[in-house]
All heavy atoms as atom14 arrays in JSON, in Angstrom:
{
  "sequence": "ENNFYGKKHKKKRRRSENGILIGSIILCLVTLGAITVCLMTVFKYRAV",
  "atom14_mask": [
    [1, 1, 1, 1, 1, 1, 1, 1, 1, 0, 0, 0, 0, 0],
    [1, 1, 1, 1, 1, 1, 1, 1, 0, 0, 0, 0, 0, 0],
    [1, 1, 1, 1, 1, 1, 1, 1, 0, 0, 0, 0, 0, 0],
    [1, 1, 1, 1, 1, 1, 1, 1, 1, 1, 1, 0, 0, 0],
    [1, 1, 1, 1, 1, 1, 1, 1, 1, 1, 1, 1, 0, 0],
    [1, 1, 1, 1, 0, 0, 0, 0, 0, 0, 0, 0, 0, 0],
    [1, 1, 1, 1, 1, 1, 1, 1, 1, 0, 0, 0, 0, 0],
    [1, 1, 1, 1, 1, 1, 1, 1, 1, 0, 0, 0, 0, 0],
    [1, 1, 1, 1, 1, 1, 1, 1, 1, 1, 0, 0, 0, 0],
    [1, 1, 1, 1, 1, 1, 1, 1, 1, 0, 0, 0, 0, 0],
    [1, 1, 1, 1, 1, 1, 1, 1, 1, 0, 0, 0, 0, 0],
    [1, 1, 1, 1, 1, 1, 1, 1, 1, 0, 0, 0, 0, 0],
    [1, 1, 1, 1, 1, 1, 1, 1, 1, 1, 1, 0, 0, 0],
    [1, 1, 1, 1, 1, 1, 1, 1, 1, 1, 1, 0, 0, 0],
    [1, 1, 1, 1, 1, 1, 1, 1, 1, 1, 1, 0, 0, 0],
    [1, 1, 1, 1, 1, 1, 0, 0, 0, 0, 0, 0, 0, 0],
    [1, 1, 1, 1, 1, 1, 1, 1, 1, 0, 0, 0, 0, 0],
    [1, 1, 1, 1, 1, 1, 1, 1, 0, 0, 0, 0, 0, 0],
    [1, 1, 1, 1, 0, 0, 0, 0, 0, 0, 0, 0, 0, 0],
    [1, 1, 1, 1, 1, 1, 1, 1, 0, 0, 0, 0, 0, 0],
    [1, 1, 1, 1, 1, 1, 1, 1, 0, 0, 0, 0, 0, 0],
    [1, 1, 1, 1, 1, 1, 1, 1, 0, 0, 0, 0, 0, 0],
    [1, 1, 1, 1, 0, 0, 0, 0, 0, 0, 0, 0, 0, 0],
    [1, 1, 1, 1, 1, 1, 0, 0, 0, 0, 0, 0, 0, 0],
    [1, 1, 1, 1, 1, 1, 1, 1, 0, 0, 0, 0, 0, 0],
    [1, 1, 1, 1, 1, 1, 1, 1, 0, 0, 0, 0, 0, 0],
    [1, 1, 1, 1, 1, 1, 1, 1, 0, 0, 0, 0, 0, 0],
    [1, 1, 1, 1, 1, 1, 0, 0, 0, 0, 0, 0, 0, 0],
    [1, 1, 1, 1, 1, 1, 1, 1, 0, 0, 0, 0, 0, 0],
    [1, 1, 1, 1, 1, 1, 1, 0, 0, 0, 0, 0, 0, 0],
    [1, 1, 1, 1, 1, 1, 1, 0, 0, 0, 0, 0, 0, 0],
    [1, 1, 1, 1, 1, 1, 1, 1, 0, 0, 0, 0, 0, 0],
    [1, 1, 1, 1, 0, 0, 0, 0, 0, 0, 0, 0, 0, 0],
    [1, 1, 1, 1, 1, 0, 0, 0, 0, 0, 0, 0, 0, 0],
    [1, 1, 1, 1, 1, 1, 1, 1, 0, 0, 0, 0, 0, 0],
    [1, 1, 1, 1, 1, 1, 1, 0, 0, 0, 0, 0, 0, 0],
    [1, 1, 1, 1, 1, 1, 1, 0, 0, 0, 0, 0, 0, 0],
    [1, 1, 1, 1, 1, 1, 0, 0, 0, 0, 0, 0, 0, 0],
    [1, 1, 1, 1, 1, 1, 1, 1, 0, 0, 0, 0, 0, 0],
    [1, 1, 1, 1, 1, 1, 1, 1, 0, 0, 0, 0, 0, 0],
    [1, 1, 1, 1, 1, 1, 1, 0, 0, 0, 0, 0, 0, 0],
    [1, 1, 1, 1, 1, 1, 1, 0, 0, 0, 0, 0, 0, 0],
    [1, 1, 1, 1, 1, 1, 1, 1, 1, 1, 1, 0, 0, 0],
    [1, 1, 1, 1, 1, 1, 1, 1, 1, 0, 0, 0, 0, 0],
    [1, 1, 1, 1, 1, 1, 1, 1, 1, 1, 1, 1, 0, 0],
    [1, 1, 1, 1, 1, 1, 1, 1, 1, 1, 1, 0, 0, 0],
    [1, 1, 1, 1, 1, 0, 0, 0, 0, 0, 0, 0, 0, 0],
    [1, 1, 1, 1, 1, 1, 1, 0, 0, 0, 0, 0, 0, 0]
  ],
  "atom14_positions": [
    [[39.67, 0.76, 9.96], [39.44, 0.44, 8.56], [38.18, -0.37, 8.39], [37.38, -0.11, 7.53], [40.66, -0.34, 8.01], [40.58, -0.65, 6.54], [41.83, -1.34, 6.05], [42.79, -1.48, 6.81], [41.83, -1.74, 4.88], [0.0, 0.0, 0.0], [0.0, 0.0, 0.0], [0.0, 0.0, 0.0], [0.0, 0.0, 0.0], [0.0, 0.0, 0.0]],
    [[37.99, -1.37, 9.3], [36.78, -2.18, 9.24], [35.56, -1.33, 9.46], [34.51, -1.51, 8.82], [36.85, -3.28, 10.29], [37.9, -4.35, 9.9], [38.22, -4.5, 8.73], [38.4, -5.07, 10.92], [0.0, 0.0, 0.0], [0.0, 0.0, 0.0], [0.0, 0.0, 0.0], [0.0, 0.0, 0.0], [0.0, 0.0, 0.0], [0.0, 0.0, 0.0]],
    [[35.64, -0.41, 10.34], [34.5, 0.49, 10.59], [34.18, 1.33, 9.36], [33.03, 1.57, 9.02], [34.79, 1.41, 11.78], [34.77, 0.63, 13.09], [34.19, -0.45, 13.17], [35.45, 1.18, 14.08], [0.0, 0.0, 0.0], [0.0, 0.0, 0.0], [0.0, 0.0, 0.0], [0.0, 0.0, 0.0], [0.0, 0.0, 0.0], [0.0, 0.0, 0.0]],
    [[35.26, 1.79, 8.69], [35.08, 2.62, 7.5], [34.35, 1.85, 6.41], [33.37, 2.29, 5.84], [36.45, 3.11, 7.0], [36.38, 3.79, 5.67], [35.92, 5.1, 5.6], [36.74, 3.12, 4.52], [35.87, 5.72, 4.38], [36.67, 3.76, 3.32], [36.23, 5.07, 3.22], [0.0, 0.0, 0.0], [0.0, 0.0, 0.0], [0.0, 0.0, 0.0]],
    [[34.86, 0.65, 6.12], [34.2, -0.19, 5.12], [32.83, -0.62, 5.56], [31.93, -0.74, 4.75], [35.09, -1.41, 4.79], [36.24, -1.04, 3.89], [37.52, -0.95, 4.41], [36.04, -0.8, 2.55], [38.59, -0.6, 3.58], [37.08, -0.45, 1.72], [38.38, -0.35, 2.22], [39.41, -0.02, 1.41], [0.0, 0.0, 0.0], [0.0, 0.0, 0.0]],
    [[32.62, -0.82, 6.82], [31.28, -1.19, 7.33], [30.29, -0.06, 7.13], [29.16, -0.27, 6.71], [0.0, 0.0, 0.0], [0.0, 0.0, 0.0], [0.0, 0.0, 0.0], [0.0, 0.0, 0.0], [0.0, 0.0, 0.0], [0.0, 0.0, 0.0], [0.0, 0.0, 0.0], [0.0, 0.0, 0.0], [0.0, 0.0, 0.0], [0.0, 0.0, 0.0]],
    [[30.72, 1.16, 7.39], [29.86, 2.32, 7.16], [29.54, 2.52, 5.69], [28.42, 2.82, 5.3], [30.53, 3.58, 7.74], [30.62, 3.56, 9.26], [31.31, 4.83, 9.75], [31.43, 4.86, 11.27], [32.1, 6.06, 11.75], [0.0, 0.0, 0.0], [0.0, 0.0, 0.0], [0.0, 0.0, 0.0], [0.0, 0.0, 0.0], [0.0, 0.0, 0.0]],
    [[30.54, 2.33, 4.86], [30.37, 2.5, 3.43], [29.37, 1.49, 2.89], [28.52, 1.79, 2.06], [31.74, 2.34, 2.75], [31.7, 2.59, 1.28], [33.11, 2.51, 0.7], [33.07, 2.78, -0.78], [34.4, 2.69, -1.41], [0.0, 0.0, 0.0], [0.0, 0.0, 0.0], [0.0, 0.0, 0.0], [0.0, 0.0, 0.0], [0.0, 0.0, 0.0]],
    [[29.45, 0.28, 3.37], [28.54, -0.77, 2.93], [27.12, -0.47, 3.4], [26.15, -0.69, 2.63], [29.04, -2.12, 3.51], [28.16, -3.25, 3.12], [28.14, -3.77, 1.84], [27.26, -3.98, 3.87], [27.27, -4.75, 1.81], [26.73, -4.9, 3.05], [0.0, 0.0, 0.0], [0.0, 0.0, 0.0], [0.0, 0.0, 0.0], [0.0, 0.0, 0.0]],
    [[26.96, 0.07, 4.56], [25.64, 0.42, 5.07], [24.99, 1.51, 4.21], [23.8, 1.47, 3.92], [25.75, 0.88, 6.54], [26.02, -0.26, 7.5], [26.1, 0.26, 8.94], [26.38, -0.88, 9.93], [26.47, -0.39, 11.32], [0.0, 0.0, 0.0], [0.0, 0.0, 0.0], [0.0, 0.0, 0.0], [0.0, 0.0, 0.0], [0.0, 0.0, 0.0]],
    [[25.83, 2.51, 3.84], [25.31, 3.59, 2.99], [24.86, 3.04, 1.64], [23.83, 3.42, 1.1], [26.38, 4.66, 2.79], [26.65, 5.47, 4.04], [27.72, 6.53, 3.75], [28.0, 7.38, 4.97], [29.03, 8.4, 4.69], [0.0, 0.0, 0.0], [0.0, 0.0, 0.0], [0.0, 0.0, 0.0], [0.0, 0.0, 0.0], [0.0, 0.0, 0.0]],
    [[25.61, 2.17, 1.07], [25.28, 1.59, -0.22], [24.01, 0.79, -0.12], [23.14, 0.85, -0.99], [26.46, 0.7, -0.68], [26.26, 0.16, -2.06], [27.5, -0.61, -2.5], [27.32, -1.15, -3.89], [28.49, -1.93, -4.36], [0.0, 0.0, 0.0], [0.0, 0.0, 0.0], [0.0, 0.0, 0.0], [0.0, 0.0, 0.0], [0.0, 0.0, 0.0]],
    [[23.87, 0.05, 0.97], [22.67, -0.75, 1.14], [21.43, 0.16, 1.32], [20.37, -0.11, 0.8], [22.86, -1.66, 2.36], [21.72, -2.67, 2.53], [21.98, -3.58, 3.69], [22.15, -2.79, 4.9], [22.5, -3.34, 6.06], [22.82, -4.62, 6.18], [22.59, -2.58, 7.15], [0.0, 0.0, 0.0], [0.0, 0.0, 0.0], [0.0, 0.0, 0.0]],
    [[21.64, 1.24, 2.1], [20.54, 2.18, 2.34], [20.09, 2.84, 1.04], [18.91, 3.02, 0.79], [21.01, 3.22, 3.38], [19.84, 3.98, 4.0], [20.36, 4.93, 5.07], [20.97, 4.17, 6.16], [22.2, 4.32, 6.58], [23.01, 5.2, 6.01], [22.7, 3.6, 7.61], [0.0, 0.0, 0.0], [0.0, 0.0, 0.0], [0.0, 0.0, 0.0]],
    [[21.09, 3.18, 0.2], [20.79, 3.83, -1.09], [20.01, 2.87, -1.98], [19.07, 3.25, -2.68], [22.13, 4.23, -1.75], [21.95, 5.26, -2.82], [23.3, 5.66, -3.42], [24.14, 6.28, -2.41], [25.34, 5.81, -2.05], [25.82, 4.72, -2.56], [26.06, 6.45, -1.13], [0.0, 0.0, 0.0], [0.0, 0.0, 0.0], [0.0, 0.0, 0.0]],
    [[20.32, 1.64, -1.94], [19.63, 0.62, -2.74], [18.21, 0.44, -2.26], [17.27, 0.32, -3.05], [20.41, -0.71, -2.64], [19.72, -1.73, -3.31], [0.0, 0.0, 0.0], [0.0, 0.0, 0.0], [0.0, 0.0, 0.0], [0.0, 0.0, 0.0], [0.0, 0.0, 0.0], [0.0, 0.0, 0.0], [0.0, 0.0, 0.0], [0.0, 0.0, 0.0]],
    [[18.03, 0.46, -0.96], [16.68, 0.32, -0.4], [15.8, 1.5, -0.79], [14.62, 1.34, -1.1], [16.78, 0.23, 1.13], [17.39, -1.1, 1.59], [17.62, -1.15, 3.09], [17.43, -0.08, 3.73], [17.93, -2.2, 3.62], [0.0, 0.0, 0.0], [0.0, 0.0, 0.0], [0.0, 0.0, 0.0], [0.0, 0.0, 0.0], [0.0, 0.0, 0.0]],
    [[16.45, 2.7, -0.77], [15.68, 3.91, -1.17], [15.23, 3.82, -2.62], [14.13, 4.2, -2.99], [16.52, 5.16, -0.95], [16.72, 5.46, 0.53], [15.94, 4.98, 1.38], [17.76, 6.23, 0.85], [0.0, 0.0, 0.0], [0.0, 0.0, 0.0], [0.0, 0.0, 0.0], [0.0, 0.0, 0.0], [0.0, 0.0, 0.0], [0.0, 0.0, 0.0]],
    [[16.11, 3.33, -3.49], [15.77, 3.19, -4.91], [14.61, 2.24, -5.1], [13.71, 2.46, -5.91], [0.0, 0.0, 0.0], [0.0, 0.0, 0.0], [0.0, 0.0, 0.0], [0.0, 0.0, 0.0], [0.0, 0.0, 0.0], [0.0, 0.0, 0.0], [0.0, 0.0, 0.0], [0.0, 0.0, 0.0], [0.0, 0.0, 0.0], [0.0, 0.0, 0.0]],
    [[14.67, 1.15, -4.33], [13.58, 0.17, -4.44], [12.26, 0.79, -3.99], [11.21, 0.59, -4.61], [13.91, -1.07, -3.6], [15.1, -1.82, -4.22], [12.69, -1.99, -3.5], [15.62, -2.94, -3.34], [0.0, 0.0, 0.0], [0.0, 0.0, 0.0], [0.0, 0.0, 0.0], [0.0, 0.0, 0.0], [0.0, 0.0, 0.0], [0.0, 0.0, 0.0]],
    [[12.34, 1.6, -2.9], [11.12, 2.25, -2.38], [10.52, 3.21, -3.4], [9.31, 3.2, -3.65], [11.48, 2.98, -1.07], [10.31, 3.71, -0.39], [9.2, 2.72, -0.03], [10.81, 4.44, 0.85], [0.0, 0.0, 0.0], [0.0, 0.0, 0.0], [0.0, 0.0, 0.0], [0.0, 0.0, 0.0], [0.0, 0.0, 0.0], [0.0, 0.0, 0.0]],
    [[11.36, 4.03, -4.0], [10.88, 5.01, -5.0], [10.26, 4.3, -6.18], [9.21, 4.67, -6.69], [12.04, 5.92, -5.44], [12.47, 6.81, -4.26], [11.63, 6.76, -6.65], [13.73, 7.6, -4.55], [0.0, 0.0, 0.0], [0.0, 0.0, 0.0], [0.0, 0.0, 0.0], [0.0, 0.0, 0.0], [0.0, 0.0, 0.0], [0.0, 0.0, 0.0]],
    [[10.95, 3.24, -6.62], [10.41, 2.47, -7.75], [9.06, 1.89, -7.42], [8.14, 1.86, -8.26], [0.0, 0.0, 0.0], [0.0, 0.0, 0.0], [0.0, 0.0, 0.0], [0.0, 0.0, 0.0], [0.0, 0.0, 0.0], [0.0, 0.0, 0.0], [0.0, 0.0, 0.0], [0.0, 0.0, 0.0], [0.0, 0.0, 0.0], [0.0, 0.0, 0.0]],
    [[8.93, 1.42, -6.19], [7.64, 0.84, -5.78], [6.54, 1.89, -5.79], [5.39, 1.65, -6.21], [7.77, 0.22, -4.39], [8.73, -0.82, -4.39], [0.0, 0.0, 0.0], [0.0, 0.0, 0.0], [0.0, 0.0, 0.0], [0.0, 0.0, 0.0], [0.0, 0.0, 0.0], [0.0, 0.0, 0.0], [0.0, 0.0, 0.0], [0.0, 0.0, 0.0]],
    [[6.92, 3.09, -5.28], [5.93, 4.19, -5.26], [5.48, 4.54, -6.67], [4.29, 4.69, -6.95], [6.51, 5.42, -4.55], [6.71, 5.1, -3.05], [5.58, 6.62, -4.72], [7.45, 6.18, -2.29], [0.0, 0.0, 0.0], [0.0, 0.0, 0.0], [0.0, 0.0, 0.0], [0.0, 0.0, 0.0], [0.0, 0.0, 0.0], [0.0, 0.0, 0.0]],
    [[6.44, 4.67, -7.58], [6.12, 5.02, -8.98], [5.22, 3.95, -9.6], [4.24, 4.23, -10.27], [7.41, 5.2, -9.8], [8.15, 6.44, -9.32], [7.09, 5.29, -11.29], [9.51, 6.62, -9.96], [0.0, 0.0, 0.0], [0.0, 0.0, 0.0], [0.0, 0.0, 0.0], [0.0, 0.0, 0.0], [0.0, 0.0, 0.0], [0.0, 0.0, 0.0]],
    [[5.58, 2.69, -9.31], [4.79, 1.59, -9.84], [3.36, 1.64, -9.31], [2.39, 1.4, -10.03], [5.45, 0.26, -9.46], [4.73, -1.02, -9.94], [4.66, -1.03, -11.47], [5.47, -2.27, -9.44], [0.0, 0.0, 0.0], [0.0, 0.0, 0.0], [0.0, 0.0, 0.0], [0.0, 0.0, 0.0], [0.0, 0.0, 0.0], [0.0, 0.0, 0.0]],
    [[3.27, 1.98, -8.03], [1.93, 2.09, -7.43], [1.11, 3.21, -8.08], [-0.09, 3.05, -8.35], [2.04, 2.35, -5.93], [2.62, 0.9, -5.01], [0.0, 0.0, 0.0], [0.0, 0.0, 0.0], [0.0, 0.0, 0.0], [0.0, 0.0, 0.0], [0.0, 0.0, 0.0], [0.0, 0.0, 0.0], [0.0, 0.0, 0.0], [0.0, 0.0, 0.0]],
    [[1.82, 4.32, -8.31], [1.12, 5.46, -8.95], [0.64, 5.1, -10.35], [-0.48, 5.4, -10.75], [2.04, 6.68, -8.99], [2.33, 7.33, -7.64], [3.38, 8.44, -7.8], [1.06, 7.89, -7.03], [0.0, 0.0, 0.0], [0.0, 0.0, 0.0], [0.0, 0.0, 0.0], [0.0, 0.0, 0.0], [0.0, 0.0, 0.0], [0.0, 0.0, 0.0]],
    [[1.5, 4.44, -11.11], [1.14, 4.02, -12.47], [-0.04, 3.07, -12.43], [-1.0, 3.16, -13.19], [2.35, 3.39, -13.18], [1.9, 2.74, -14.5], [3.42, 4.43, -13.43], [0.0, 0.0, 0.0], [0.0, 0.0, 0.0], [0.0, 0.0, 0.0], [0.0, 0.0, 0.0], [0.0, 0.0, 0.0], [0.0, 0.0, 0.0], [0.0, 0.0, 0.0]],
    [[0.06, 2.13, -11.5], [-1.02, 1.15, -11.36], [-2.33, 1.84, -11.0], [-3.41, 1.53, -11.53], [-0.64, 0.11, -10.3], [0.59, -0.52, -10.66], [-1.74, -0.94, -10.15], [0.0, 0.0, 0.0], [0.0, 0.0, 0.0], [0.0, 0.0, 0.0], [0.0, 0.0, 0.0], [0.0, 0.0, 0.0], [0.0, 0.0, 0.0], [0.0, 0.0, 0.0]],
    [[-2.23, 2.8, -10.03], [-3.43, 3.54, -9.61], [-4.04, 4.31, -10.77], [-5.26, 4.35, -10.96], [-3.06, 4.48, -8.45], [-4.22, 5.31, -7.89], [-5.3, 4.39, -7.32], [-3.7, 6.24, -6.79], [0.0, 0.0, 0.0], [0.0, 0.0, 0.0], [0.0, 0.0, 0.0], [0.0, 0.0, 0.0], [0.0, 0.0, 0.0], [0.0, 0.0, 0.0]],
    [[-3.15, 4.93, -11.59], [-3.64, 5.67, -12.76], [-4.36, 4.76, -13.73], [-5.41, 5.1, -14.27], [0.0, 0.0, 0.0], [0.0, 0.0, 0.0], [0.0, 0.0, 0.0], [0.0, 0.0, 0.0], [0.0, 0.0, 0.0], [0.0, 0.0, 0.0], [0.0, 0.0, 0.0], [0.0, 0.0, 0.0], [0.0, 0.0, 0.0], [0.0, 0.0, 0.0]],
    [[-3.75, 3.62, -13.93], [-4.36, 2.67, -14.86], [-5.72, 2.22, -14.35], [-6.69, 2.09, -15.11], [-3.44, 1.48, -15.07], [0.0, 0.0, 0.0], [0.0, 0.0, 0.0], [0.0, 0.0, 0.0], [0.0, 0.0, 0.0], [0.0, 0.0, 0.0], [0.0, 0.0, 0.0], [0.0, 0.0, 0.0], [0.0, 0.0, 0.0], [0.0, 0.0, 0.0]],
    [[-5.76, 1.94, -13.04], [-7.04, 1.53, -12.45], [-8.09, 2.63, -12.61], [-9.25, 2.37, -12.94], [-6.83, 1.15, -10.97], [-5.97, -0.12, -10.86], [-8.18, 0.95, -10.27], [-5.55, -0.45, -9.44], [0.0, 0.0, 0.0], [0.0, 0.0, 0.0], [0.0, 0.0, 0.0], [0.0, 0.0, 0.0], [0.0, 0.0, 0.0], [0.0, 0.0, 0.0]],
    [[-7.63, 3.89, -12.37], [-8.56, 5.03, -12.5], [-9.12, 5.13, -13.9], [-10.32, 5.31, -14.1], [-7.84, 6.33, -12.13], [-7.34, 6.23, -10.79], [-8.79, 7.52, -12.25], [0.0, 0.0, 0.0], [0.0, 0.0, 0.0], [0.0, 0.0, 0.0], [0.0, 0.0, 0.0], [0.0, 0.0, 0.0], [0.0, 0.0, 0.0], [0.0, 0.0, 0.0]],
    [[-8.22, 5.01, -14.9], [-8.66, 5.07, -16.3], [-9.64, 3.96, -16.59], [-10.67, 4.15, -17.25], [-7.44, 5.0, -17.25], [-7.9, 4.82, -18.69], [-6.59, 6.24, -17.1], [0.0, 0.0, 0.0], [0.0, 0.0, 0.0], [0.0, 0.0, 0.0], [0.0, 0.0, 0.0], [0.0, 0.0, 0.0], [0.0, 0.0, 0.0], [0.0, 0.0, 0.0]],
    [[-9.34, 2.78, -16.09], [-10.23, 1.64, -16.31], [-11.59, 1.88, -15.7], [-12.65, 1.6, -16.29], [-9.61, 0.37, -15.72], [-8.16, -0.2, -16.65], [0.0, 0.0, 0.0], [0.0, 0.0, 0.0], [0.0, 0.0, 0.0], [0.0, 0.0, 0.0], [0.0, 0.0, 0.0], [0.0, 0.0, 0.0], [0.0, 0.0, 0.0], [0.0, 0.0, 0.0]],
    [[-11.55, 2.4, -14.45], [-12.82, 2.67, -13.79], [-13.64, 3.72, -14.54], [-14.87, 3.59, -14.71], [-12.57, 3.14, -12.35], [-12.07, 2.06, -11.39], [-11.69, 2.67, -10.04], [-13.12, 0.97, -11.21], [0.0, 0.0, 0.0], [0.0, 0.0, 0.0], [0.0, 0.0, 0.0], [0.0, 0.0, 0.0], [0.0, 0.0, 0.0], [0.0, 0.0, 0.0]],
    [[-12.95, 4.78, -15.01], [-13.65, 5.84, -15.76], [-14.26, 5.28, -17.03], [-15.37, 5.62, -17.43], [-12.69, 6.98, -16.08], [-12.27, 7.8, -14.85], [-11.07, 9.08, -15.29], [-12.1, 10.1, -16.35], [0.0, 0.0, 0.0], [0.0, 0.0, 0.0], [0.0, 0.0, 0.0], [0.0, 0.0, 0.0], [0.0, 0.0, 0.0], [0.0, 0.0, 0.0]],
    [[-13.49, 4.42, -17.7], [-13.98, 3.79, -18.94], [-15.21, 2.96, -18.66], [-16.2, 2.98, -19.38], [-12.88, 2.94, -19.55], [-11.74, 3.74, -19.83], [-13.37, 2.29, -20.84], [0.0, 0.0, 0.0], [0.0, 0.0, 0.0], [0.0, 0.0, 0.0], [0.0, 0.0, 0.0], [0.0, 0.0, 0.0], [0.0, 0.0, 0.0], [0.0, 0.0, 0.0]],
    [[-15.12, 2.19, -17.54], [-16.26, 1.35, -17.17], [-17.48, 2.2, -16.87], [-18.6, 1.93, -17.33], [-15.89, 0.46, -15.97], [-17.14, -0.23, -15.42], [-14.84, -0.55, -16.36], [0.0, 0.0, 0.0], [0.0, 0.0, 0.0], [0.0, 0.0, 0.0], [0.0, 0.0, 0.0], [0.0, 0.0, 0.0], [0.0, 0.0, 0.0], [0.0, 0.0, 0.0]],
    [[-17.25, 3.26, -16.02], [-18.37, 4.13, -15.67], [-18.98, 4.81, -16.9], [-20.19, 4.96, -17.04], [-17.93, 5.18, -14.64], [-17.66, 4.61, -13.29], [-16.63, 5.13, -12.5], [-18.41, 3.55, -12.8], [-16.37, 4.6, -11.26], [-18.15, 3.02, -11.54], [-17.11, 3.56, -10.78], [0.0, 0.0, 0.0], [0.0, 0.0, 0.0], [0.0, 0.0, 0.0]],
    [[-18.1, 5.28, -17.82], [-18.58, 5.94, -19.04], [-19.38, 4.97, -19.89], [-20.44, 5.3, -20.43], [-17.39, 6.48, -19.83], [-17.82, 7.25, -21.08], [-16.61, 7.85, -21.78], [-17.04, 8.64, -23.01], [-15.88, 9.23, -23.71], [0.0, 0.0, 0.0], [0.0, 0.0, 0.0], [0.0, 0.0, 0.0], [0.0, 0.0, 0.0], [0.0, 0.0, 0.0]],
    [[-18.9, 3.76, -19.99], [-19.59, 2.73, -20.77], [-20.95, 2.46, -20.15], [-21.97, 2.34, -20.84], [-18.75, 1.45, -20.8], [-19.48, 0.28, -21.41], [-19.63, 0.18, -22.8], [-20.03, -0.71, -20.59], [-20.31, -0.89, -23.35], [-20.71, -1.79, -21.14], [-20.85, -1.88, -22.53], [-21.52, -2.92, -23.08], [0.0, 0.0, 0.0], [0.0, 0.0, 0.0]],
    [[-20.95, 2.37, -18.78], [-22.23, 2.12, -18.11], [-23.19, 3.28, -18.33], [-24.4, 3.07, -18.53], [-21.98, 1.92, -16.61], [-21.25, 0.64, -16.26], [-22.12, -0.59, -16.58], [-23.36, -0.55, -15.85], [-23.51, -0.97, -14.6], [-22.48, -1.47, -13.92], [-24.69, -0.91, -14.01], [0.0, 0.0, 0.0], [0.0, 0.0, 0.0], [0.0, 0.0, 0.0]],
    [[-22.67, 4.52, -18.32], [-23.52, 5.7, -18.53], [-24.11, 5.69, -19.92], [-25.31, 5.94, -20.12], [-22.72, 6.98, -18.3], [0.0, 0.0, 0.0], [0.0, 0.0, 0.0], [0.0, 0.0, 0.0], [0.0, 0.0, 0.0], [0.0, 0.0, 0.0], [0.0, 0.0, 0.0], [0.0, 0.0, 0.0], [0.0, 0.0, 0.0], [0.0, 0.0, 0.0]],
    [[-23.25, 5.4, -20.91], [-23.74, 5.33, -22.3], [-24.77, 4.24, -22.44], [-25.79, 4.39, -23.1], [-22.55, 5.11, -23.26], [-23.06, 4.81, -24.67], [-21.65, 6.33, -23.28], [0.0, 0.0, 0.0], [0.0, 0.0, 0.0], [0.0, 0.0, 0.0], [0.0, 0.0, 0.0], [0.0, 0.0, 0.0], [0.0, 0.0, 0.0], [0.0, 0.0, 0.0]]
  ]
}
């Protein structure tokens, strides 16, 4: 029984870690996009 609950808890913890990882990736992508837009705006402004 202890092993069963121990395994179940490990799975739950692993699932939580995966969610955090995906969220971090999405956040990074959003941040990267924002940076890209900012850079393009800066470059366009400099060109003008």
